């Protein structure tokens, strides 16, 4: 009802918009009412004389169901549900937890996890030690938890659910709980409060070479080497390919040879395509030489471990 003017007098509630705002099709709360308790007890709350109109001012059919309001003589300690902050890389996964602070046993709960779906989406939900024995299910963004064996969330504080989210778009989104229902072992509704968290999706930074940087300029002669797996490497480590008898000189015919870095790349945890720079030798035709690997020579593999700032020899296994 953002953009609506809401007024109340003697139990009558009126809501309308002067700017053409409407309540979009869907489900969920559209108005919140505050009450002042004058005595303890339980009172049925019902809607009467309902009038709804469409954007043209035409009457719409309506139906309603009653609820109840319970006022206790003693203060009620609410069940507090809070969503922790979390983060993920773009197209990756990240985790948040839903925590509960409760002074009384909780036998079941249901709520919607509200996210900006252009930033993140719900992948999976797992129980924690506090909800061992609970059946946890999700449907869309609705999360339901209950026990068929009488298990409860014991009074205390801490996570009740571990939630995995996917990073769908760079940015941040509030992670909030809506339409919360919490029940005690007798099936009665419990008063609850909630706190939102923030989930941040970071655009994956482009990793650049830091160590194997002394590569020769391209010569137009090259070969593709595909590294499908790299064992004992972390993201950010580097792979360097060397020719032990490469041509080193450039622009003349001095025919200098020796070890030369001819290809390099940063390991990202996924397949790495490396392009080796091949040498040029046109001296027999009155031209010159350019540095690069020489066809037929073996490839020497080396890796640079970023966290150790150390270079190690490596071995490669080839597949057809």
Protein backbone atom coordinates (compact mmCIF):
# COMPACT_ATOMS: atom_id res chain seq x y z
CA UNK A 1 0.00 0.00 0.00
CA UNK A 2 2.92 2.37 -0.58
CA UNK A 3 1.50 5.60 -1.96
CA UNK A 4 -1.88 5.07 -0.24
CA UNK A 5 -3.52 7.40 2.25
CA UNK A 6 -4.71 5.35 5.25
CA UNK A 7 -7.12 6.68 7.89
CA UNK A 8 -9.01 5.10 10.80
CA UNK A 9 -11.91 6.26 12.94
CA UNK A 10 -14.03 4.23 15.38
CA UNK A 11 -12.91 0.93 13.93
CA UNK A 12 -13.45 1.93 10.29
CA UNK A 13 -10.36 1.82 8.09
CA UNK A 14 -10.23 3.67 4.75
CA UNK A 15 -7.38 3.41 2.24
CA UNK A 16 -7.07 5.12 -1.13
CA UNK A 17 -4.50 6.70 -3.44
CA UNK A 18 -4.52 10.18 -4.93
CA UNK A 19 -1.69 9.28 -7.33
CA UNK A 20 -3.16 6.17 -8.96
CA UNK A 21 -1.22 3.67 -6.84
CA UNK A 22 -2.69 0.19 -6.63
CA UNK A 23 -2.13 -2.99 -4.65
CA UNK A 24 -0.44 -5.36 -7.08
CA UNK A 25 -1.87 -8.85 -7.55
CA UNK A 26 -0.42 -11.30 -5.04
CA UNK A 27 -0.58 -12.41 -1.43
CA UNK A 28 0.59 -10.93 1.85
CA UNK A 29 -0.10 -8.24 4.40
CA UNK A 30 -1.20 -4.88 3.03
CA UNK A 31 -1.99 -3.03 6.28
CA UNK A 32 -0.78 -3.17 9.89
CA UNK A 33 -3.04 -2.31 12.82
CA UNK A 34 -1.84 -1.32 16.29
CA UNK A 35 -4.03 -1.96 19.33
CA UNK A 36 -4.00 -0.69 22.91
CA UNK A 37 -4.87 -3.45 25.40
CA UNK A 38 -7.29 -2.48 28.17
CA UNK A 39 -7.67 -5.95 29.71
CA UNK A 40 -6.35 -9.46 29.35
CA UNK A 41 -8.19 -12.13 27.36
CA UNK A 42 -8.81 -13.28 23.81
CA UNK A 43 -10.91 -11.40 21.29
CA UNK A 44 -12.07 -12.45 17.81
CA UNK A 45 -11.18 -9.96 15.08
CA UNK A 46 -13.33 -9.89 11.94
CA UNK A 47 -13.78 -7.60 8.95
CA UNK A 48 -17.26 -6.31 8.16
CA UNK A 49 -18.84 -4.06 5.53
CA UNK A 50 -15.92 -4.64 3.15
CA UNK A 51 -15.74 -2.39 0.09
CA UNK A 52 -13.04 -2.96 -2.52
CA UNK A 53 -12.75 -1.15 -5.85
CA UNK A 54 -10.65 -1.60 -8.97
CA UNK A 55 -8.69 1.22 -10.70
CA UNK A 56 -11.91 2.22 -12.54
CA UNK A 57 -13.81 2.60 -9.27
CA UNK A 58 -15.93 -0.51 -9.88
CA UNK A 59 -16.80 -2.70 -6.91
CA UNK A 60 -14.86 -5.94 -6.51
CA UNK A 61 -16.04 -9.10 -4.75
CA UNK A 62 -14.35 -9.85 -1.43
CA UNK A 63 -14.23 -12.56 1.20
CA UNK A 64 -12.51 -12.60 4.59
CA UNK A 65 -11.70 -14.81 7.54
CA UNK A 66 -11.51 -13.87 11.19
CA UNK A 67 -8.48 -13.91 13.41
CA UNK A 68 -7.93 -13.57 17.13
CA UNK A 69 -6.01 -11.30 19.45
CA UNK A 70 -4.77 -12.54 22.82
CA UNK A 71 -3.78 -10.15 25.59
CA UNK A 72 -1.95 -11.69 28.56
CA UNK A 73 -1.73 -10.26 32.02
CA UNK A 74 2.00 -10.94 32.05
CA UNK A 75 4.38 -9.61 29.38
CA UNK A 76 5.03 -12.07 26.54
CA UNK A 77 8.60 -12.76 25.49
CA UNK A 78 8.53 -12.85 21.71
CA UNK A 79 10.36 -15.39 19.59
CA UNK A 80 12.98 -13.37 17.74
CA UNK A 81 13.96 -14.55 14.27
CA UNK A 82 16.94 -12.88 12.64
CA UNK A 83 18.69 -13.33 9.29
CA UNK A 84 22.48 -13.06 9.28
CA UNK A 85 24.51 -11.23 6.66
CA UNK A 86 26.22 -13.18 3.88
CA UNK A 87 27.96 -12.84 0.55
CA UNK A 88 28.80 -14.70 -2.66
CA UNK A 89 30.74 -14.20 -5.84
CA UNK A 90 28.72 -13.61 -9.01
CA UNK A 91 27.44 -16.98 -10.31
CA UNK A 92 28.65 -18.58 -7.09
CA UNK A 93 26.99 -19.63 -3.85
CA UNK A 94 26.92 -18.12 -0.37
CA UNK A 95 25.41 -19.01 2.98
CA UNK A 96 23.34 -17.22 5.58
CA UNK A 97 21.71 -18.53 8.72
CA UNK A 98 18.32 -17.89 10.23
CA UNK A 99 18.74 -17.53 13.98
CA UNK A 100 16.16 -17.88 16.73
CA UNK A 101 16.10 -16.45 20.23
CA UNK A 102 13.32 -18.09 22.24
CA UNK A 103 12.48 -18.44 25.94
CA UNK A 104 9.93 -21.20 25.35
CA UNK A 105 10.00 -24.38 23.22
CA UNK A 106 9.05 -23.92 19.56
CA UNK A 107 7.38 -26.84 17.77
CA UNK A 108 7.03 -25.44 14.26
CA UNK A 109 7.60 -22.44 12.04
CA UNK A 110 6.81 -21.13 8.59
CA UNK A 111 7.88 -17.95 6.81
CA UNK A 112 8.83 -16.51 3.45
CA UNK A 113 12.41 -15.44 2.75
CA UNK A 114 12.13 -12.22 0.78
CA UNK A 115 15.04 -11.39 -1.57
CA UNK A 116 15.65 -9.23 -4.61
CA UNK A 117 15.58 -12.03 -7.18
CA UNK A 118 17.77 -10.04 -9.57
CA UNK A 119 20.57 -10.36 -7.00
CA UNK A 120 20.09 -13.71 -5.24
CA UNK A 121 17.79 -16.73 -5.09
CA UNK A 122 17.14 -19.54 -2.65
CA UNK A 123 18.90 -22.83 -3.43
CA UNK A 124 18.61 -25.04 -0.34
CA UNK A 125 17.88 -25.08 3.38
CA UNK A 126 19.40 -27.40 5.97
CA UNK A 127 18.60 -27.95 9.63
CA UNK A 128 21.09 -27.20 12.41
CA UNK A 129 21.75 -28.84 15.77
CA UNK A 130 18.84 -26.82 17.21
CA UNK A 131 16.38 -28.25 14.67
CA UNK A 132 17.60 -31.86 14.65
CA UNK A 133 14.60 -34.12 14.08
CA UNK A 134 12.66 -31.46 12.16
CA UNK A 135 11.34 -31.90 8.64
CA UNK A 136 12.44 -28.89 6.60
CA UNK A 137 10.82 -28.16 3.25
CA UNK A 138 10.85 -25.27 0.80
CA UNK A 139 8.38 -24.22 -1.87
CA UNK A 140 9.43 -21.19 -3.83
CA UNK A 141 10.68 -18.85 -1.10
CA UNK A 142 8.47 -20.35 1.62
CA UNK A 143 10.30 -22.32 4.31
CA UNK A 144 8.44 -24.76 6.57
CA UNK A 145 9.81 -26.58 9.60
CA UNK A 146 8.01 -29.09 11.85
CA UNK A 147 8.53 -32.39 13.62
CA UNK A 148 6.51 -35.59 13.37
CA UNK A 149 8.18 -36.97 16.48
CA UNK A 150 7.51 -34.12 18.90
CA UNK A 151 10.94 -32.52 18.64
CA UNK A 152 11.11 -28.83 19.55
CA UNK A 153 13.55 -25.97 19.34
CA UNK A 154 14.71 -25.73 22.92
CA UNK A 155 14.88 -22.32 24.60
CA UNK A 156 18.10 -20.56 23.71
CA UNK A 157 19.84 -18.59 21.01
CA UNK A 158 21.50 -19.53 17.72
CA UNK A 159 20.92 -20.77 14.18
CA UNK A 160 17.94 -22.96 13.36
CA UNK A 161 18.52 -23.07 9.59
CA UNK A 162 21.48 -22.91 7.25
CA UNK A 163 20.42 -21.33 3.95
CA UNK A 164 22.36 -21.50 0.67
CA UNK A 165 21.76 -18.69 -1.83
CA UNK A 166 22.99 -18.27 -5.40
CA UNK A 167 24.66 -15.06 -6.53
CA UNK A 168 22.62 -14.16 -9.61
CA UNK A 169 23.53 -10.49 -10.08
CA UNK A 170 26.12 -8.14 -8.66
CA UNK A 171 24.71 -5.95 -5.90
CA UNK A 172 23.12 -6.35 -2.49
CA UNK A 173 19.68 -7.26 -1.22
CA UNK A 174 17.90 -7.27 2.10
CA UNK A 175 17.11 -10.78 3.28
CA UNK A 176 13.93 -10.50 5.33
CA UNK A 177 11.33 -12.88 6.74
CA UNK A 178 7.65 -12.31 5.96
CA UNK A 179 4.34 -14.04 6.76
CA UNK A 180 5.89 -15.53 9.91
CA UNK A 181 4.03 -18.24 11.83
CA UNK A 182 5.62 -19.75 14.95
CA UNK A 183 3.81 -22.32 17.09
CA UNK A 184 4.33 -23.91 20.49
CA UNK A 185 3.99 -27.66 21.27
CA UNK A 186 0.22 -27.20 21.70
CA UNK A 187 -0.09 -25.77 18.19
CA UNK A 188 -0.81 -22.27 19.45
CA UNK A 189 0.63 -19.25 17.68
CA UNK A 190 3.53 -17.51 19.41
CA UNK A 191 4.36 -13.82 19.26
CA UNK A 192 7.38 -13.17 17.06
CA UNK A 193 9.67 -10.41 15.95
CA UNK A 194 12.14 -10.41 13.08
CA UNK A 195 15.36 -8.76 11.94
CA UNK A 196 16.63 -8.58 8.35
CA UNK A 197 20.11 -9.33 7.05
CA UNK A 198 22.05 -8.18 3.99
CA UNK A 199 23.30 -10.49 1.24
CA UNK A 200 25.99 -9.09 -1.05
CA UNK A 201 26.92 -10.51 -4.46
CA UNK A 202 30.34 -9.39 -5.64
CA UNK A 203 31.28 -9.26 -9.29
CA UNK A 204 34.04 -11.82 -9.83
CA UNK A 205 37.29 -9.87 -10.14
CA UNK A 206 39.38 -10.61 -13.20
CA UNK A 207 42.57 -12.29 -12.03
CA UNK A 208 45.76 -10.94 -13.58
CA UNK A 209 49.21 -12.48 -13.83
CA UNK A 210 51.53 -11.37 -11.05
CA UNK A 211 54.56 -13.64 -11.43
CA UNK A 212 54.74 -15.21 -14.91
CA UNK A 213 54.54 -11.86 -16.68
CA UNK A 214 57.68 -11.82 -18.87
CA UNK A 215 55.99 -13.18 -21.97
CA UNK A 216 57.24 -12.48 -25.51
CA UNK A 217 55.05 -10.47 -27.86
CA UNK A 218 52.76 -12.42 -30.15
CA UNK A 219 54.30 -13.50 -33.41
CA UNK A 220 51.25 -14.84 -35.21
CA UNK A 221 52.52 -18.37 -34.60
CA UNK A 222 50.84 -20.00 -31.62
CA UNK A 223 49.48 -23.21 -30.06
CA UNK A 224 46.58 -23.79 -27.67
CA UNK A 225 47.15 -25.80 -24.51
CA UNK A 226 44.05 -26.62 -22.43
CA UNK A 227 44.51 -27.32 -18.71
CA UNK A 228 41.39 -29.12 -17.52
CA UNK A 229 42.39 -29.85 -13.93
CA UNK A 230 45.13 -28.62 -11.64
CA UNK A 231 45.75 -30.51 -8.43
CA UNK A 232 46.94 -28.74 -5.27
CA UNK A 233 46.45 -25.31 -6.84
CA UNK A 234 44.33 -22.56 -5.32
CA UNK A 235 42.48 -19.82 -7.16
CA UNK A 236 45.05 -17.12 -7.93
CA UNK A 237 47.99 -19.50 -8.40
CA UNK A 238 49.67 -19.33 -11.80
CA UNK A 239 50.75 -21.87 -14.41
CA UNK A 240 53.73 -21.11 -16.67
CA UNK A 241 54.77 -22.99 -19.79
CA UNK A 242 58.42 -22.87 -20.86
CA UNK A 243 60.50 -24.05 -23.79
CA UNK A 244 64.01 -25.00 -22.68
CA UNK A 245 65.47 -24.39 -26.16
CA UNK A 246 63.39 -21.48 -27.43
CA UNK A 247 64.60 -18.72 -29.72
CA UNK A 248 65.44 -15.70 -27.53
CA UNK A 249 66.67 -13.03 -29.94
CA UNK A 250 64.41 -10.62 -31.79
CA UNK A 251 64.78 -8.76 -35.10
CA UNK A 252 68.06 -10.37 -36.18
CA UNK A 253 69.56 -13.77 -37.01
CA UNK A 254 71.87 -14.25 -34.01
CA UNK A 255 70.15 -17.57 -33.26
CA UNK A 256 70.24 -17.24 -29.46
CA UNK A 257 68.44 -20.09 -27.70
CA UNK A 258 67.57 -20.97 -24.10
CA UNK A 259 64.71 -21.31 -21.66
CA UNK A 260 61.81 -18.93 -22.33
CA UNK A 261 58.35 -18.43 -20.82
CA UNK A 262 55.98 -18.90 -23.77
CA UNK A 263 52.53 -19.11 -22.10
CA UNK A 264 51.01 -18.37 -18.69
CA UNK A 265 47.65 -18.06 -16.97
CA UNK A 266 45.96 -17.67 -13.59
CA UNK A 267 44.17 -20.69 -12.18
CA UNK A 268 40.49 -19.88 -11.44
CA UNK A 269 39.36 -23.35 -10.44
CA UNK A 270 38.02 -24.02 -13.93
CA UNK A 271 39.44 -25.04 -17.30
CA UNK A 272 42.33 -22.78 -18.29
CA UNK A 273 43.16 -22.10 -21.95
CA UNK A 274 46.79 -21.13 -22.54
CA UNK A 275 48.12 -19.79 -25.84
CA UNK A 276 51.82 -20.47 -26.41
CA UNK A 277 53.87 -17.96 -28.43
CA UNK A 278 55.74 -19.66 -31.23
CA UNK A 279 59.02 -18.41 -32.71
CA UNK A 280 59.55 -17.09 -36.24
CA UNK A 281 62.72 -17.84 -38.23
CA UNK A 282 62.83 -16.24 -41.70
CA UNK A 283 66.61 -15.88 -41.83
CA UNK A 284 66.89 -18.36 -44.70
CA UNK A 285 64.78 -15.97 -46.77
CA UNK A 286 66.63 -12.78 -45.83
CA UNK A 287 64.34 -12.08 -42.88
CA UNK A 288 64.87 -12.24 -39.12
CA UNK A 289 63.98 -14.23 -36.02
CA UNK A 290 61.33 -13.54 -33.34
CA UNK A 291 61.34 -15.16 -29.87
CA UNK A 292 59.07 -18.09 -28.97
CA UNK A 293 58.95 -21.85 -28.66
CA UNK A 294 60.43 -24.04 -31.39
CA UNK A 295 58.20 -26.72 -32.86
CA UNK A 296 58.98 -30.21 -31.62
CA UNK A 297 60.47 -29.10 -28.27
CA UNK A 298 59.05 -30.43 -25.00
CA UNK A 299 56.93 -28.19 -22.77
CA UNK A 300 58.29 -27.46 -19.31
CA UNK A 301 55.55 -26.79 -16.72
CA UNK A 302 55.98 -24.63 -13.63
CA UNK A 303 53.51 -23.32 -11.07
CA UNK A 304 53.65 -20.28 -8.82
CA UNK A 305 51.92 -20.64 -5.44
CA UNK A 306 50.62 -17.19 -4.55
CA UNK A 307 50.31 -17.75 -0.79
CA UNK A 308 53.95 -18.95 -0.61
CA UNK A 309 55.37 -16.72 -3.36
CA UNK A 310 57.27 -19.80 -4.53
CA UNK A 311 57.75 -21.56 -7.90
CA UNK A 312 57.59 -25.35 -8.23
CA UNK A 313 58.10 -27.71 -11.16
CA UNK A 314 54.95 -29.50 -12.33
CA UNK A 315 54.12 -32.56 -14.39
CA UNK A 316 51.34 -32.84 -16.98
CA UNK A 317 49.23 -35.81 -17.99
CA UNK A 318 47.92 -35.59 -21.54
CA UNK A 319 44.65 -36.97 -22.87
CA UNK A 320 43.48 -37.34 -26.45
